[in-house]
Protein backbone atom coordinates (compact mmCIF):
# COMPACT_ATOMS: atom_id res chain seq x y z
CA MET A 1 0.00 6.54 -0.65
CA LYS A 2 -0.16 8.47 -4.00
CA ILE A 3 -3.27 7.73 -6.05
CA ALA A 4 -3.52 9.05 -9.64
CA TYR A 5 -7.05 9.28 -11.10
CA THR A 6 -8.80 9.85 -14.38
CA GLY A 7 -12.58 10.21 -15.26
CA LEU A 8 -13.62 9.98 -11.52
CA ASN A 9 -15.14 12.62 -9.24
CA LEU A 10 -12.56 12.50 -6.52
CA PRO A 11 -10.86 15.39 -4.55
CA GLN A 12 -7.39 16.62 -5.23
CA GLY A 13 -4.70 16.87 -2.65
CA LYS A 14 -4.16 15.02 0.77
CA ILE A 15 -7.18 13.53 2.07
CA LYS A 16 -7.53 12.29 5.72
CA PHE A 17 -8.52 8.58 5.96
CA ASN A 18 -11.56 8.01 8.19
CA ASP A 19 -10.01 5.04 10.07
CA GLU A 20 -12.39 3.41 12.47
CA ILE A 21 -9.60 1.54 14.22
CA LEU A 22 -7.58 4.77 14.65
CA LEU A 23 -10.68 6.49 16.10
CA GLU A 24 -11.38 3.68 18.59
CA LEU A 25 -7.61 3.79 19.66
CA VAL A 26 -7.80 7.60 20.25
CA LYS A 27 -11.02 7.15 22.47
CA LYS A 28 -9.05 4.46 24.45
CA PHE A 29 -5.80 6.35 24.95
CA GLN A 30 -6.94 10.05 24.77
CA PRO A 31 -3.46 10.90 23.43
CA LYS A 32 -2.26 14.65 23.34
CA LYS A 33 -1.74 14.23 19.54
CA VAL A 34 -3.51 12.21 16.87
CA SER A 35 -1.67 11.41 13.60
CA PRO A 36 -4.06 9.78 11.04
CA TYR A 37 -3.04 8.60 7.70
CA TYR A 38 -3.42 10.94 4.60
CA PHE A 39 -3.95 9.56 1.08
CA GLU A 40 -2.74 11.87 -1.77
CA PHE A 41 -4.95 12.20 -4.88
CA PHE A 42 -4.04 13.89 -8.04
CA PRO A 43 -5.32 13.75 -11.75
CA ASP A 44 -3.64 11.82 -14.64
CA ASP A 45 -0.05 11.89 -13.41
CA TYR A 46 0.38 8.18 -13.63
CA GLU A 47 4.17 7.86 -13.31
CA LEU A 48 4.18 9.24 -9.85
CA ALA A 49 1.39 6.94 -8.55
CA ASP A 50 1.44 4.14 -6.20
CA VAL A 51 -2.21 3.29 -7.43
CA ILE A 52 -4.09 4.27 -10.51
CA MET A 53 -7.90 4.64 -10.35
CA ILE A 54 -9.65 5.15 -13.69
CA ASN A 55 -13.15 5.21 -15.20
CA SER A 56 -13.75 2.34 -17.61
CA GLU A 57 -14.59 4.87 -20.46
CA CYS A 58 -10.92 6.16 -20.08
CA LEU A 59 -9.06 3.00 -19.62
CA LEU A 60 -8.09 2.53 -23.28
CA ASP A 61 -6.42 5.81 -23.31
CA LEU A 62 -3.97 4.50 -20.55
CA LEU A 63 -3.49 1.24 -22.17
CA ILE A 64 -2.67 2.53 -25.64
CA LEU A 65 0.30 4.18 -24.12
CA ASP A 66 1.53 0.72 -23.01
CA ILE A 67 0.66 -0.85 -26.18
CA GLU A 68 2.79 1.67 -28.17
CA LYS A 69 5.74 1.07 -25.74
CA ILE A 70 5.51 -2.79 -26.28
CA GLU A 71 5.12 -2.64 -29.97
CA GLY A 72 8.15 -0.37 -30.32
CA ARG A 73 10.13 -2.74 -28.22
CA LEU A 74 8.86 -5.92 -30.33
CA ALA A 75 10.12 -4.16 -33.49
CA ARG A 76 13.57 -3.86 -32.15
CA THR A 77 14.21 -7.08 -30.02
CA GLU A 78 15.52 -10.29 -31.45
CA GLU A 79 15.43 -12.17 -28.07
CA PRO A 80 12.89 -15.06 -28.13
CA PHE A 81 12.06 -14.84 -24.44
CA GLU A 82 11.51 -11.20 -24.37
CA LYS A 83 9.35 -11.34 -27.46
CA GLU A 84 7.11 -13.97 -25.76
CA VAL A 85 6.54 -11.78 -22.72
CA LEU A 86 5.79 -8.83 -24.84
CA GLU A 87 3.31 -10.72 -26.96
CA LYS A 88 1.60 -12.07 -23.70
CA SER A 89 1.45 -8.46 -22.51
CA LEU A 90 -0.21 -7.30 -25.64
CA VAL A 91 -2.83 -9.95 -25.63
CA GLN A 92 -3.72 -8.74 -22.00
CA LEU A 93 -3.85 -5.00 -23.31
CA ASP A 94 -5.92 -5.94 -26.42
CA GLU A 95 -8.47 -7.52 -24.02
CA GLN A 96 -8.51 -4.05 -22.23
CA LYS A 97 -7.01 -5.32 -19.02
CA PRO A 98 -4.06 -3.61 -17.21
CA ILE A 99 -0.65 -5.31 -16.92
CA CYS A 100 -0.75 -5.39 -13.34
CA ASP A 101 -3.34 -8.11 -13.36
CA LEU A 102 -1.23 -10.56 -15.26
CA ARG A 103 0.90 -13.03 -13.15
CA TRP A 104 4.55 -13.01 -13.85
CA ASN A 105 7.68 -15.12 -12.59
CA ASP A 106 10.63 -13.04 -11.60
CA THR A 107 12.37 -13.30 -15.04
CA GLU A 108 9.33 -12.10 -16.91
CA GLN A 109 8.77 -9.28 -14.23
CA ALA A 110 12.32 -8.02 -14.94
CA VAL A 111 11.28 -7.64 -18.86
CA ILE A 112 8.16 -5.90 -18.06
CA LYS A 113 9.54 -3.49 -15.44
CA ALA A 114 12.24 -2.38 -17.71
CA LEU A 115 9.70 -1.00 -20.12
CA GLY A 116 8.12 1.17 -17.55
CA LEU A 117 4.56 0.30 -18.42
CA LEU A 118 1.97 2.54 -16.76
CA SER A 119 -0.65 -0.05 -16.17
CA LEU A 120 2.02 -2.21 -14.28
CA THR A 121 1.27 0.09 -11.52
CA PRO A 122 -1.80 -1.33 -9.58
CA THR A 123 -4.70 -0.10 -11.52
CA LEU A 124 -8.31 -0.08 -10.43
CA VAL A 125 -11.12 0.28 -13.05
CA TYR A 126 -14.56 1.73 -12.08
CA ASP A 127 -17.76 2.00 -13.94
CA GLU A 128 -19.16 4.74 -12.02
CA THR A 129 -17.73 8.26 -11.70
CA SER A 130 -18.35 8.59 -8.08
CA ALA A 131 -17.45 6.47 -5.03
CA ASP A 132 -17.30 6.66 -1.17
CA MET A 133 -13.74 7.99 -0.18
CA LYS A 134 -13.22 5.48 2.53
CA LEU A 135 -13.97 2.76 0.14
CA ILE A 136 -11.89 4.08 -2.48
CA CYS A 137 -8.98 4.33 -0.13
CA ARG A 138 -9.53 0.75 1.03
CA ASP A 139 -9.66 -0.44 -2.44
CA GLY A 140 -6.34 1.35 -3.30
CA MET A 141 -4.64 -0.35 -0.27
CA LYS A 142 -5.99 -3.77 -1.18
CA LYS A 143 -4.92 -3.54 -4.83
CA ALA A 144 -1.41 -2.32 -3.77
CA SER A 145 -1.12 -4.98 -1.00
CA MET A 146 -0.84 -2.25 1.76
CA MET A 147 -1.92 -2.40 5.51
CA PHE A 148 -1.87 -0.31 8.49
CA PHE A 149 -0.13 -0.81 11.83
CA TYR A 150 -0.46 1.53 14.83
CA THR A 151 1.51 3.10 17.62
CA VAL A 152 -0.48 4.15 20.71
CA GLY A 153 0.23 6.00 24.01
CA LYS A 154 -0.73 9.15 26.02
CA GLN A 155 1.50 11.33 23.79
CA GLU A 156 0.41 10.18 20.46
CA VAL A 157 -1.78 7.67 18.50
CA ARG A 158 -0.62 7.18 15.02
CA ALA A 159 -1.46 5.08 11.87
CA TRP A 160 1.24 3.81 9.61
CA LEU A 161 0.92 2.39 6.17
CA VAL A 162 3.26 -0.39 5.10
CA GLU A 163 3.37 -3.26 2.61
CA GLU A 164 1.50 -6.33 3.69
CA GLU A 165 4.11 -9.14 4.98
CA THR A 166 6.39 -6.38 6.18
CA ASP A 167 8.72 -7.31 8.94
CA ALA A 168 9.12 -5.91 12.43
CA ALA A 169 12.49 -4.14 11.71
CA THR A 170 10.98 -2.50 8.51
CA CYS A 171 8.05 -1.23 10.48
CA ALA A 172 10.33 0.25 13.13
CA GLY A 173 12.23 2.01 10.36
CA LYS A 174 8.94 3.59 9.11
CA ILE A 175 8.61 5.17 12.51
CA HIS A 176 12.15 6.51 12.81
CA SER A 177 15.37 5.37 11.32
CA ASP A 178 17.03 5.29 14.67
CA LEU A 179 14.56 2.53 15.67
CA ALA A 180 15.55 0.36 12.79
CA ARG A 181 19.35 1.03 13.24
CA GLY A 182 19.10 0.16 17.04
CA PHE A 183 16.23 -2.53 16.72
CA ILE A 184 16.30 -5.08 19.64
CA LYS A 185 12.77 -6.37 19.71
CA ALA A 186 9.30 -5.31 18.81
CA GLU A 187 6.34 -5.83 21.36
CA ILE A 188 3.28 -6.52 19.40
CA VAL A 189 -0.29 -6.89 20.23
CA SER A 190 -3.52 -7.17 18.08
CA TYR A 191 -6.03 -4.47 17.80
CA GLU A 192 -8.66 -6.69 19.22
CA ASP A 193 -6.60 -7.61 22.32
CA ILE A 194 -5.55 -4.07 23.07
CA MET A 195 -9.20 -2.87 23.31
CA LYS A 196 -9.69 -5.50 26.01
CA VAL A 197 -7.34 -3.72 28.38
CA HIS A 198 -6.19 -0.32 29.81
CA SER A 199 -2.77 0.00 28.35
CA MET A 200 0.22 -1.73 26.82
CA GLN A 201 1.44 -2.46 30.41
CA ASP A 202 -1.92 -4.02 31.09
CA ALA A 203 -1.69 -6.13 27.95
CA ARG A 204 1.84 -7.16 28.98
CA SER A 205 0.67 -8.23 32.30
CA LYS A 206 -2.11 -10.35 30.87
CA GLU A 207 0.39 -11.94 28.36
CA LEU A 208 -1.40 -10.58 25.42
CA THR A 209 1.74 -9.09 23.77
CA LYS A 210 4.45 -10.97 22.10
CA LEU A 211 8.15 -10.03 21.91
CA VAL A 212 9.39 -10.60 18.18
CA GLY A 213 12.64 -10.20 16.30
CA HIS A 214 13.67 -8.38 12.98
CA ASP A 215 12.18 -10.72 10.58
CA TYR A 216 8.83 -11.41 12.20
CA VAL A 217 6.01 -10.68 9.71
CA VAL A 218 3.73 -7.92 11.33
CA PRO A 219 -0.08 -8.87 10.96
CA VAL A 220 -2.56 -6.20 9.76
CA ASN A 221 -3.87 -3.79 12.35
CA SER A 222 -1.08 -4.67 14.93
CA ILE A 223 -0.07 -2.25 17.70
CA LEU A 224 3.65 -2.10 17.88
CA GLU A 225 6.18 -0.88 20.46
CA ILE A 226 9.87 -0.86 19.60
CA ARG A 227 12.60 -1.75 21.90
CA PHE A 228 15.98 -0.28 20.70
CA ASN A 229 19.33 0.97 21.64
CA VAL A 230 21.50 3.47 19.84
């Protein structure tokens, strides 16, 4: 996840997430390799960001860029529906609130996306300039509706970041494109259940795992093992 920030005392570059769940899985499985998740922080470059984090004193500088785009488009468009959406957006920005916090239907969303508004990116506003890095990362995940799932074993324990409500086949593709292409089933177990047993095989024998298909929505913090054939 790429996080752009302004007016905050945050480090720049890739930062390892201090993930308690991953640490507990590593203790349990003692893998040869550990692959934690790294968030990427960089100042000011909003257009590349998955999430924007900004100090409240700097927020207006961001919103003015969106106001200028909307006012320019309003001056050109003759389409009543588009004007309505743009005017609704201006009210939000004039109240010094980012566009991402408005609720849109699909047609309105299409109008807004076409403008490339910066504050349509999930935007978090902080009054303080300093914050705990773990909380900052969790804030970013929540705002962007992201979650972790995990793969475990003696070779590697790894955290994977995906959108909430992601299906099993898409999670498989996150691990490797071959797994998505040859996807048969995903075997899934909750973090809480895997911590009660010795291994995936043990979880399987105790009927704690579930075999699911392509479209199964993977719950947060699940452990996945993909069955595939290519």
